[in-house]
Amino acid sequence: MNNIIAIVDDCEDDIFAIKKMILKQNSDYKIVDFTDPEDALVKLRQDKVDCIILDYYFPLMNGLEFIKEFRSYNDDTPIIFLTGQGNENVAAESIQAGAFHYIIKSEISGESLHNCILKGILKSDLDRKERSYNEFIKTMTNIIPVPLFYKDKNGIYLGCNKAFEEFIGLNKDEIIGKTVYDISEKNDAETYANRDRQLLDNPGTTQTYEHEYVNPNNMRKYVIFKKVTYRDSLGNVSGIIGIVNDITEIKERETELTSKTYYDSLTGIFNRRYFDECVEIEWKKCKRKNEPLCLIMLDIDFFKNYNDTYGHQEGDNCLHNVAQEIKLSLLRPSDIAVRYGGEEFVVILPNTKLNGAYRVAERIRQNIINRGIKHVASAVSDVVTLSQGIAEMSDINDTVDKCLRNADQSLYEAKKNGRNTIRCLSVYDNNQEEGEEG
C-alpha cells in the first residue's frame, strides 16, 4: 500500500516545491496538503496519514502549537518540522513537543527529506509493534495465576501482574519504581535483596528458595520464589524475573503430617512410614487415570567413608543437606522426597515416564554436585555425589514391591558402573538400560 504524506504549510509555492522533491524520490507516495493548520488538525483526526511535513510559521497557530494539539490524540504519526536558519531553539522545542525530526528550510533537499520520511515511517511502525508486543506481554502476564514480577539489576521494580499486586497487597502504581525496601518489611526486604545479589553474581542459573512472611492481612504465609536473570539486546544482564508460589496449604498439610510422625526429624523430609502409606495411594490414583508412576532410589556415594572422615555430626548435616537439595529439585507439588533409611532416599514421581524421571534424577545429581559438600574420602569426586536407580510402573498389574525391587536393582547397577550415575529399569523389563534425557 502506498504511503500517504501530509504537507501543512500556508505557502502554496512551498507546498509545490516540497511535493516535487518528494515525488522525484518516490512517485508512489500519495500526498495531501493543507494551508490551514486548524483544518489539517480536523482532517488528520479522521484520516490516517503515514507522515506529516509541518512548517513553523502560520498566522493564527505556530507549528509547536500544532504538534502539541496533534499529539493529544495521535502518538504514532511522525512529524518532520521545517524551520528557518537560526531557529535551532525552536527546532529543539519541536522535538520536545513530539516531532520526529526537523530540517532547516535553506538546507532541504529531496534526498534528505525522503530519507527522513523513510526513517520516520519505519520508527513509527516499530513503535506501534513494540506497543502491541508490550500490550500482549501485559495481557499474557495478567492471565498467569501465579504472582510474577521483574526488576532491573538495581532492584527497582519495572513490572508485575495482577496476581503479584494481590500477593503484595499494593496497586501496581505503588510497586513500579520502588524496591523491596519500599514495599516489604525490613527483614523480608533484606532476605529478598541478598538473594537478588546472589543471583546477579551467578547469571544464567535458576534461584529457588522458600520464605515465610506475614502478609498485609497479618496472616502467616509460606512461599517459594523462583528467579532468573534476563539480558538486554547486547547480552548484558539487565535484571531479574521472578514468580512466587504460595505453598501455605502444603506447609499446613506438612505440619499436620508431622503430628502423625510422617517426617524424618534429621532431614526434615518424609520418612519411611509416610512412603509406605503414600506410595500405594499414589499408584492407585495413577492406575485410575491410566498414568505411569516412577520411583527413584538414591544413595549417597561412600557415605561410610564420609562418617569415618568427618564424624557422625557432620554425617548428619550431610544427610540433612542432601535431603533438602533433593526436595528443592522437585518442581511439582505432587513429587515426593522420602528418607528411606540410612543414607538412602526415594523419590515418588506420579504421572511420570522413565525419560521424565531420568531428567529429574539428572537435575538432582547436578544440584547435589553444585551444592559442593566436601568429601575427600570419596573415590569418584571431591564432593558428595549420588548414585540413583529408577523404575517405572505403567501396567495395571504392576506392584509397588516389584517396582521397589527394580529401583533397588537399578541402584545396584549404578553403583557397579562407577557411582555418581543413573540407571533405569521398567517393572516389566529385565534388561538394564539408561533412560532418555530428552
Protein backbone atom coordinates (compact mmCIF):
# COMPACT_ATOMS: atom_id res chain seq x y z
CA MET A 1 0.00 0.00 0.00
CA ASN A 2 1.33 3.47 -0.93
CA ASN A 3 2.34 5.74 1.94
CA ILE A 4 0.34 8.94 2.44
CA ILE A 5 2.30 12.12 3.20
CA ALA A 6 0.58 15.25 4.53
CA ILE A 7 2.15 18.69 3.97
CA VAL A 8 0.96 21.50 6.25
CA ASP A 9 2.24 24.88 5.03
CA ASP A 10 0.44 28.17 4.37
CA CYS A 11 2.62 28.89 1.33
CA GLU A 12 1.36 27.26 -1.89
CA ASP A 13 4.75 27.69 -3.57
CA ASP A 14 6.50 25.86 -0.73
CA ILE A 15 3.92 23.05 -0.88
CA PHE A 16 4.52 22.70 -4.63
CA ALA A 17 8.30 22.61 -4.16
CA ILE A 18 8.12 20.04 -1.38
CA LYS A 19 5.74 17.84 -3.40
CA LYS A 20 8.09 17.98 -6.36
CA MET A 21 11.09 16.95 -4.24
CA ILE A 22 9.22 14.06 -2.63
CA LEU A 23 7.70 12.65 -5.80
CA LYS A 24 11.04 12.85 -7.59
CA GLN A 25 12.42 10.50 -4.94
CA ASN A 26 9.37 8.19 -4.90
CA SER A 27 6.49 8.72 -7.31
CA ASP A 28 4.36 6.16 -5.43
CA TYR A 29 3.75 8.50 -2.49
CA LYS A 30 0.23 9.85 -2.16
CA ILE A 31 0.37 13.47 -0.99
CA VAL A 32 -2.32 15.55 0.69
CA ASP A 33 -1.75 19.19 1.61
CA PHE A 34 -3.22 21.82 3.90
CA THR A 35 -2.64 25.56 4.08
CA ASP A 36 -4.71 25.94 7.26
CA PRO A 37 -3.29 24.07 10.31
CA GLU A 38 -6.63 24.01 12.12
CA ASP A 39 -8.28 22.44 9.08
CA ALA A 40 -5.41 19.94 8.97
CA LEU A 41 -5.97 19.00 12.63
CA VAL A 42 -9.64 18.25 11.95
CA LYS A 43 -8.96 16.20 8.82
CA LEU A 44 -5.97 14.33 10.25
CA ARG A 45 -8.01 13.28 13.26
CA GLN A 46 -10.35 11.48 10.83
CA ASP A 47 -7.97 10.34 8.08
CA LYS A 48 -4.75 8.49 8.86
CA VAL A 49 -1.52 9.51 7.14
CA ASP A 50 1.94 7.97 7.39
CA CYS A 51 3.99 11.14 7.83
CA ILE A 52 3.42 14.90 8.28
CA ILE A 53 5.71 17.65 6.95
CA LEU A 54 4.98 20.77 9.00
CA ASP A 55 6.04 24.39 8.60
CA TYR A 56 6.58 26.59 11.65
CA TYR A 57 5.00 29.90 10.65
CA PHE A 58 1.21 30.30 10.41
CA PRO A 59 -0.89 33.43 11.00
CA LEU A 60 -3.01 32.08 13.88
CA MET A 61 -1.17 28.95 15.10
CA ASN A 62 2.52 28.13 15.05
CA GLY A 63 3.98 24.71 14.36
CA LEU A 64 4.71 23.97 18.03
CA GLU A 65 1.07 24.52 18.95
CA PHE A 66 0.06 22.25 16.07
CA ILE A 67 2.34 19.46 17.32
CA LYS A 68 1.03 19.66 20.89
CA GLU A 69 -2.59 19.58 19.72
CA PHE A 70 -1.95 16.71 17.28
CA ARG A 71 -0.08 14.67 19.88
CA SER A 72 -3.05 14.94 22.24
CA TYR A 73 -4.81 12.31 20.11
CA ASN A 74 -2.08 10.76 17.95
CA ASP A 75 1.22 9.41 19.28
CA ASP A 76 2.21 7.44 16.20
CA THR A 77 2.47 9.55 13.06
CA PRO A 78 5.97 11.02 12.59
CA ILE A 79 6.15 14.81 12.14
CA ILE A 80 9.03 16.41 10.22
CA PHE A 81 9.36 20.03 11.31
CA LEU A 82 10.57 22.68 8.84
CA THR A 83 12.23 25.75 10.34
CA GLY A 84 14.31 28.67 9.15
CA GLN A 85 18.02 29.29 9.62
CA GLY A 86 18.74 30.50 13.15
CA ASN A 87 15.65 28.85 14.64
CA GLU A 88 17.55 25.96 16.20
CA ASN A 89 15.97 26.63 19.61
CA VAL A 90 12.53 26.36 18.07
CA ALA A 91 13.62 23.16 16.35
CA ALA A 92 14.74 21.69 19.67
CA GLU A 93 11.41 22.65 21.23
CA SER A 94 9.63 20.86 18.39
CA ILE A 95 11.45 17.62 19.24
CA GLN A 96 10.44 18.01 22.89
CA ALA A 97 6.84 18.61 21.82
CA GLY A 98 6.77 15.38 19.80
CA ALA A 99 8.27 16.00 16.36
CA PHE A 100 10.31 13.14 14.89
CA HIS A 101 12.91 15.37 13.22
CA TYR A 102 13.49 18.90 11.99
CA ILE A 103 15.04 20.23 8.77
CA ILE A 104 16.27 23.77 8.15
CA LYS A 105 14.45 25.01 5.05
CA SER A 106 17.53 26.52 3.43
CA GLU A 107 19.30 23.15 3.66
CA ILE A 108 16.45 20.94 2.49
CA SER A 109 16.96 18.53 -0.41
CA GLY A 110 14.85 15.84 -1.96
CA GLU A 111 17.20 13.12 -0.76
CA SER A 112 17.44 14.36 2.85
CA LEU A 113 13.67 14.85 3.07
CA HIS A 114 12.97 11.42 1.57
CA ASN A 115 15.43 9.71 3.95
CA CYS A 116 13.82 11.49 6.88
CA ILE A 117 10.35 10.35 5.76
CA LEU A 118 11.50 6.73 5.45
CA LYS A 119 13.14 6.77 8.90
CA GLY A 120 10.09 8.37 10.46
CA ILE A 121 7.69 5.83 8.97
CA LEU A 122 9.97 2.96 9.99
CA LYS A 123 10.30 4.26 13.56
CA SER A 124 6.55 4.77 13.81
CA ASP A 125 5.95 1.22 12.62
CA LEU A 126 8.48 -0.17 15.10
CA ASP A 127 6.94 1.88 17.94
CA ARG A 128 3.48 0.51 17.12
CA LYS A 129 4.80 -3.04 17.06
CA GLU A 130 6.59 -2.50 20.37
CA ARG A 131 3.43 -1.15 21.98
CA SER A 132 1.46 -4.06 20.59
CA TYR A 133 4.07 -6.51 21.90
CA ASN A 134 4.11 -4.83 25.31
CA GLU A 135 0.33 -5.00 25.47
CA PHE A 136 0.50 -8.69 24.55
CA ILE A 137 3.06 -9.33 27.31
CA LYS A 138 0.93 -7.37 29.78
CA THR A 139 -2.17 -9.38 28.88
CA MET A 140 -0.28 -12.67 28.97
CA THR A 141 1.30 -11.99 32.37
CA ASN A 142 -2.01 -10.92 33.86
CA ILE A 143 -3.69 -14.22 32.95
CA ILE A 144 -0.89 -16.16 34.67
CA PRO A 145 -2.41 -17.13 38.03
CA VAL A 146 0.85 -17.02 39.99
CA PRO A 147 2.44 -13.73 41.08
CA LEU A 148 5.06 -12.57 38.55
CA PHE A 149 7.42 -9.59 38.69
CA TYR A 150 10.51 -8.21 37.02
CA LYS A 151 13.01 -5.64 38.19
CA ASP A 152 16.24 -4.05 36.98
CA LYS A 153 19.66 -5.01 38.33
CA ASN A 154 19.41 -2.21 40.92
CA GLY A 155 16.34 -3.88 42.40
CA ILE A 156 13.80 -1.37 41.09
CA TYR A 157 10.50 -2.97 40.06
CA LEU A 158 9.73 -2.44 36.37
CA GLY A 159 6.57 -4.52 36.05
CA CYS A 160 4.31 -7.13 37.61
CA ASN A 161 0.99 -8.88 37.03
CA LYS A 162 -2.32 -8.65 38.87
CA ALA A 163 -1.53 -11.73 40.94
CA PHE A 164 1.63 -10.05 42.26
CA GLU A 165 -0.36 -6.93 43.21
CA GLU A 166 -2.71 -9.14 45.23
CA PHE A 167 0.24 -11.01 46.74
CA ILE A 168 1.91 -7.77 47.89
CA GLY A 169 -1.35 -6.04 48.79
CA LEU A 170 -0.47 -2.94 46.75
CA ASN A 171 -1.53 -1.48 43.41
CA LYS A 172 0.91 -1.54 40.50
CA ASP A 173 1.45 2.24 40.81
CA GLU A 174 2.64 1.66 44.36
CA ILE A 175 5.09 -1.06 43.24
CA ILE A 176 6.66 0.15 39.97
CA GLY A 177 9.73 2.31 40.55
CA LYS A 178 10.13 1.03 44.11
CA THR A 179 12.47 -1.53 45.69
CA VAL A 180 11.78 -4.33 48.17
CA TYR A 181 12.76 -1.94 50.95
CA ASP A 182 9.83 0.31 50.00
CA ILE A 183 7.15 -2.39 49.85
CA SER A 184 8.27 -5.08 52.32
CA GLU A 185 9.14 -5.39 55.99
CA LYS A 186 12.83 -4.74 56.70
CA ASN A 187 13.78 -8.35 57.49
CA ASP A 188 11.93 -9.67 54.44
CA ALA A 189 13.50 -6.96 52.26
CA GLU A 190 16.99 -7.92 53.44
CA THR A 191 16.32 -11.56 52.53
CA TYR A 192 15.00 -10.66 49.07
CA ALA A 193 17.84 -8.23 48.35
CA ASN A 194 20.55 -10.67 49.46
CA ARG A 195 19.05 -13.39 47.27
CA ASP A 196 18.90 -10.99 44.33
CA ARG A 197 22.59 -10.16 44.73
CA GLN A 198 23.48 -13.86 44.81
CA LEU A 199 21.52 -14.43 41.60
CA LEU A 200 23.08 -11.44 39.81
CA ASP A 201 26.51 -12.81 40.75
CA ASN A 202 25.57 -16.11 39.07
CA PRO A 203 23.63 -15.16 35.90
CA GLY A 204 22.16 -17.99 33.87
CA THR A 205 21.17 -20.00 36.95
CA THR A 206 17.70 -20.50 38.42
CA GLN A 207 17.31 -19.48 42.04
CA THR A 208 14.72 -21.31 44.16
CA TYR A 209 14.10 -20.72 47.83
CA GLU A 210 11.36 -20.88 50.43
CA HIS A 211 10.37 -17.90 52.53
CA GLU A 212 7.98 -17.34 55.41
CA TYR A 213 6.39 -13.93 55.95
CA VAL A 214 3.33 -12.18 57.40
CA ASN A 215 1.10 -10.65 54.72
CA PRO A 216 -0.74 -7.27 54.97
CA ASN A 217 -3.74 -9.09 56.47
CA ASN A 218 -1.48 -10.32 59.30
CA MET A 219 -1.65 -13.91 58.03
CA ARG A 220 1.44 -16.12 58.04
CA LYS A 221 2.30 -17.26 54.52
CA TYR A 222 4.82 -19.67 53.07
CA VAL A 223 6.04 -19.14 49.52
CA ILE A 224 8.62 -20.44 47.07
CA PHE A 225 10.46 -17.88 44.95
CA LYS A 226 11.82 -18.93 41.56
CA LYS A 227 14.00 -16.28 39.93
CA VAL A 228 16.22 -15.95 36.85
CA THR A 229 18.22 -13.11 35.32
CA TYR A 230 17.36 -11.62 31.94
CA ARG A 231 19.60 -9.87 29.41
CA ASP A 232 19.33 -6.90 27.06
CA SER A 233 19.84 -7.00 23.29
CA LEU A 234 23.63 -6.74 23.79
CA GLY A 235 23.70 -9.76 26.07
CA ASN A 236 24.28 -7.80 29.28
CA VAL A 237 22.44 -8.83 32.45
CA SER A 238 19.64 -6.28 32.90
CA GLY A 239 17.67 -7.56 35.87
CA ILE A 240 15.61 -10.32 37.43
CA ILE A 241 12.32 -12.03 36.59
CA GLY A 242 10.60 -13.99 39.33
CA ILE A 243 7.45 -15.89 40.24
CA VAL A 244 6.03 -16.66 43.65
CA ASN A 245 4.25 -19.92 44.52
CA ASP A 246 2.06 -19.85 47.61
CA ILE A 247 2.73 -23.13 49.42
CA THR A 248 0.91 -22.21 52.63
CA GLU A 249 -1.59 -25.05 52.22
CA ILE A 250 1.20 -27.52 51.57
CA LYS A 251 3.06 -26.28 54.64
CA GLU A 252 -0.08 -26.61 56.75
CA ARG A 253 -0.52 -30.14 55.45
CA GLU A 254 3.10 -30.87 56.28
CA THR A 255 2.54 -29.57 59.82
CA GLU A 256 -0.46 -31.84 60.18
CA LEU A 257 1.51 -34.81 58.93
CA THR A 258 4.34 -34.03 61.34
CA SER A 259 1.98 -34.68 64.23
CA LYS A 260 1.45 -38.15 62.79
CA THR A 261 5.19 -38.81 62.76
CA TYR A 262 5.38 -38.79 58.98
CA TYR A 263 8.53 -36.72 58.99
CA ASP A 264 12.14 -37.68 59.47
CA SER A 265 13.42 -35.42 62.25
CA LEU A 266 17.00 -35.39 61.00
CA THR A 267 16.46 -34.48 57.36
CA GLY A 268 13.13 -32.64 57.53
CA ILE A 269 11.58 -34.68 54.70
CA PHE A 270 9.05 -37.52 54.77
CA ASN A 271 10.06 -40.79 56.42
CA ARG A 272 9.68 -44.47 55.55
CA ARG A 273 6.30 -44.71 57.27
CA TYR A 274 4.91 -41.95 55.09
CA PHE A 275 6.35 -43.61 52.00
CA ASP A 276 4.72 -46.96 52.81
CA GLU A 277 1.30 -45.31 53.11
CA CYS A 278 1.67 -42.74 50.35
CA VAL A 279 3.14 -44.79 47.50
CA GLU A 280 0.22 -47.23 47.39
CA ILE A 281 -2.27 -44.34 47.35
CA GLU A 282 -0.38 -42.56 44.58
CA TRP A 283 -0.14 -45.73 42.50
CA LYS A 284 -3.90 -46.30 42.83
CA LYS A 285 -4.53 -42.74 41.62
CA CYS A 286 -2.26 -43.27 38.63
CA LYS A 287 -3.92 -46.58 37.73
CA ARG A 288 -7.35 -44.93 37.78
CA LYS A 289 -6.10 -42.29 35.35
CA ASN A 290 -4.07 -44.78 33.29
CA GLU A 291 -0.88 -42.87 34.13
CA PRO A 292 2.61 -44.23 34.89
CA LEU A 293 4.48 -43.77 38.16
CA CYS A 294 8.23 -43.80 38.66
CA LEU A 295 10.36 -44.37 41.73
CA ILE A 296 13.92 -43.08 42.08
CA MET A 297 16.08 -44.75 44.70
CA LEU A 298 19.06 -42.61 45.70
CA ASP A 299 22.13 -43.45 47.77
CA ILE A 300 24.97 -41.19 48.93
CA ASP A 301 28.23 -42.47 47.47
CA PHE A 302 30.81 -43.65 50.03
CA PHE A 303 28.79 -42.33 52.96
CA LYS A 304 30.51 -44.66 55.45
CA ASN A 305 33.82 -43.12 54.42
CA TYR A 306 32.27 -39.69 54.93
CA ASN A 307 31.23 -40.56 58.50
CA ASP A 308 34.63 -42.08 59.24
CA THR A 309 36.38 -38.96 57.95
CA TYR A 310 34.20 -36.14 59.23
CA GLY A 311 32.38 -37.70 62.18
CA HIS A 312 28.74 -38.56 62.76
CA GLN A 313 27.65 -34.98 63.46
CA GLU A 314 28.89 -33.86 60.06
CA GLY A 315 27.39 -37.02 58.62
CA ASP A 316 24.00 -35.96 59.99
CA ASN A 317 24.49 -32.48 58.49
CA CYS A 318 25.33 -34.10 55.17
CA LEU A 319 22.14 -36.18 55.25
CA HIS A 320 20.08 -33.09 56.03
CA ASN A 321 21.66 -31.01 53.24
CA VAL A 322 21.31 -33.78 50.66
CA ALA A 323 17.67 -34.35 51.62
CA GLN A 324 16.82 -30.66 51.31
CA GLU A 325 18.58 -30.43 47.94
CA ILE A 326 16.60 -33.43 46.67
CA LYS A 327 13.38 -31.80 47.86
CA LEU A 328 14.17 -28.45 46.22
CA SER A 329 15.00 -30.22 42.96
CA LEU A 330 11.40 -31.45 42.67
CA LEU A 331 9.42 -28.86 40.71
CA ARG A 332 5.89 -30.28 41.01
CA PRO A 333 3.86 -30.29 44.23
CA SER A 334 2.90 -33.91 43.51
CA ASP A 335 6.53 -35.14 43.56
CA ILE A 336 7.57 -36.52 46.96
CA ALA A 337 11.02 -36.97 48.54
CA VAL A 338 11.45 -39.57 51.30
CA ARG A 339 14.30 -40.68 53.53
CA TYR A 340 14.05 -44.44 53.09
CA GLY A 341 16.67 -45.36 55.66
CA GLY A 342 20.30 -44.60 56.48
CA GLU A 343 21.83 -42.72 53.56
CA GLU A 344 19.16 -43.95 51.16
CA PHE A 345 16.32 -41.83 49.77
CA VAL A 346 13.34 -42.44 47.49
CA VAL A 347 11.51 -40.02 45.21
CA ILE A 348 7.91 -40.72 44.13
CA LEU A 349 7.03 -39.27 40.71
CA PRO A 350 3.32 -39.70 39.82
CA ASN A 351 2.31 -39.37 36.16
CA THR A 352 5.93 -39.68 35.04
CA LYS A 353 7.58 -41.94 32.45
CA LEU A 354 11.16 -43.19 32.55
CA ASN A 355 12.54 -40.37 30.41
CA GLY A 356 10.89 -37.75 32.62
CA ALA A 357 12.17 -39.47 35.77
CA TYR A 358 15.65 -39.55 34.28
CA ARG A 359 15.55 -35.78 33.79
CA VAL A 360 14.51 -35.34 37.43
CA ALA A 361 17.31 -37.65 38.58
CA GLU A 362 19.87 -35.81 36.49
CA ARG A 363 18.71 -32.48 37.91
CA ILE A 364 19.09 -33.88 41.43
CA ARG A 365 22.53 -35.29 40.59
CA GLN A 366 23.76 -31.95 39.24
CA ASN A 367 22.26 -29.95 42.11
CA ILE A 368 23.96 -32.17 44.68
CA ILE A 369 27.29 -31.66 42.92
CA ASN A 370 26.70 -27.90 42.70
CA ARG A 371 25.92 -27.84 46.43
CA GLY A 372 29.61 -28.63 46.88
CA ILE A 373 29.58 -30.68 50.12
CA LYS A 374 33.26 -31.63 50.55
CA HIS A 375 34.04 -35.36 50.53
CA VAL A 376 37.76 -36.08 50.42
CA ALA A 377 37.13 -39.77 51.18
CA SER A 378 35.08 -40.35 48.02
CA ALA A 379 36.62 -42.39 45.23
CA VAL A 380 34.62 -40.61 42.49
CA SER A 381 34.68 -36.91 43.40
CA ASP A 382 35.94 -34.39 45.92
CA VAL A 383 32.31 -33.50 46.77
CA VAL A 384 29.31 -35.57 47.83
CA THR A 385 27.58 -37.39 44.94
CA LEU A 386 24.61 -39.71 44.50
CA SER A 387 24.02 -42.99 42.72
CA GLN A 388 20.43 -43.40 41.52
CA GLY A 389 18.23 -46.20 40.27
CA ILE A 390 14.90 -45.62 38.51
CA ALA A 391 11.97 -47.97 37.94
CA GLU A 392 8.62 -47.38 36.27
CA MET A 393 5.13 -48.79 36.85
CA SER A 394 2.72 -48.35 33.96
CA ASP A 395 0.74 -51.59 33.72
CA ILE A 396 -2.38 -52.08 35.83
CA ASN A 397 -0.91 -55.33 37.20
CA ASP A 398 2.36 -53.75 38.33
CA THR A 399 3.05 -53.72 42.06
CA VAL A 400 4.90 -51.30 44.29
CA ASP A 401 7.03 -54.12 45.73
CA LYS A 402 8.25 -55.16 42.31
CA CYS A 403 8.91 -51.56 41.33
CA LEU A 404 10.96 -51.07 44.50
CA ARG A 405 12.98 -54.20 43.74
CA ASN A 406 13.65 -52.93 40.23
CA ALA A 407 14.65 -49.50 41.53
CA ASP A 408 16.99 -51.18 44.00
CA GLN A 409 18.43 -53.33 41.20
CA SER A 410 18.92 -50.19 39.09
CA LEU A 411 20.67 -48.52 42.02
CA TYR A 412 22.95 -51.54 42.37
CA GLU A 413 23.82 -51.24 38.67
CA ALA A 414 24.55 -47.52 39.09
CA LYS A 415 26.98 -48.29 41.90
CA LYS A 416 28.56 -51.14 39.98
CA ASN A 417 29.08 -48.84 36.98
CA GLY A 418 31.13 -46.22 38.78
CA ARG A 419 28.67 -44.38 41.06
CA ASN A 420 27.60 -40.74 40.62
CA THR A 421 25.40 -42.06 37.82
CA ILE A 422 21.83 -43.11 36.99
CA ARG A 423 20.35 -46.40 35.79
CA CYS A 424 16.75 -47.16 34.77
CA LEU A 425 14.52 -50.25 34.71
CA SER A 426 10.82 -50.60 33.97
CA VAL A 427 8.82 -53.04 36.07
CA TYR A 428 8.26 -55.31 33.07
CA ASP A 429 11.79 -55.03 31.68
CA ASN A 430 14.53 -57.39 32.79
CA ASN A 431 17.20 -55.59 30.77
CA GLN A 432 19.04 -52.72 32.45
CA GLU A 433 19.09 -49.54 30.39
CA GLU A 434 19.74 -45.84 30.71
CA GLY A 435 16.68 -43.61 30.37
CA GLU A 436 16.31 -40.94 27.73
CA GLU A 437 17.45 -37.46 28.62
CA GLY A 438 15.22 -35.71 26.12
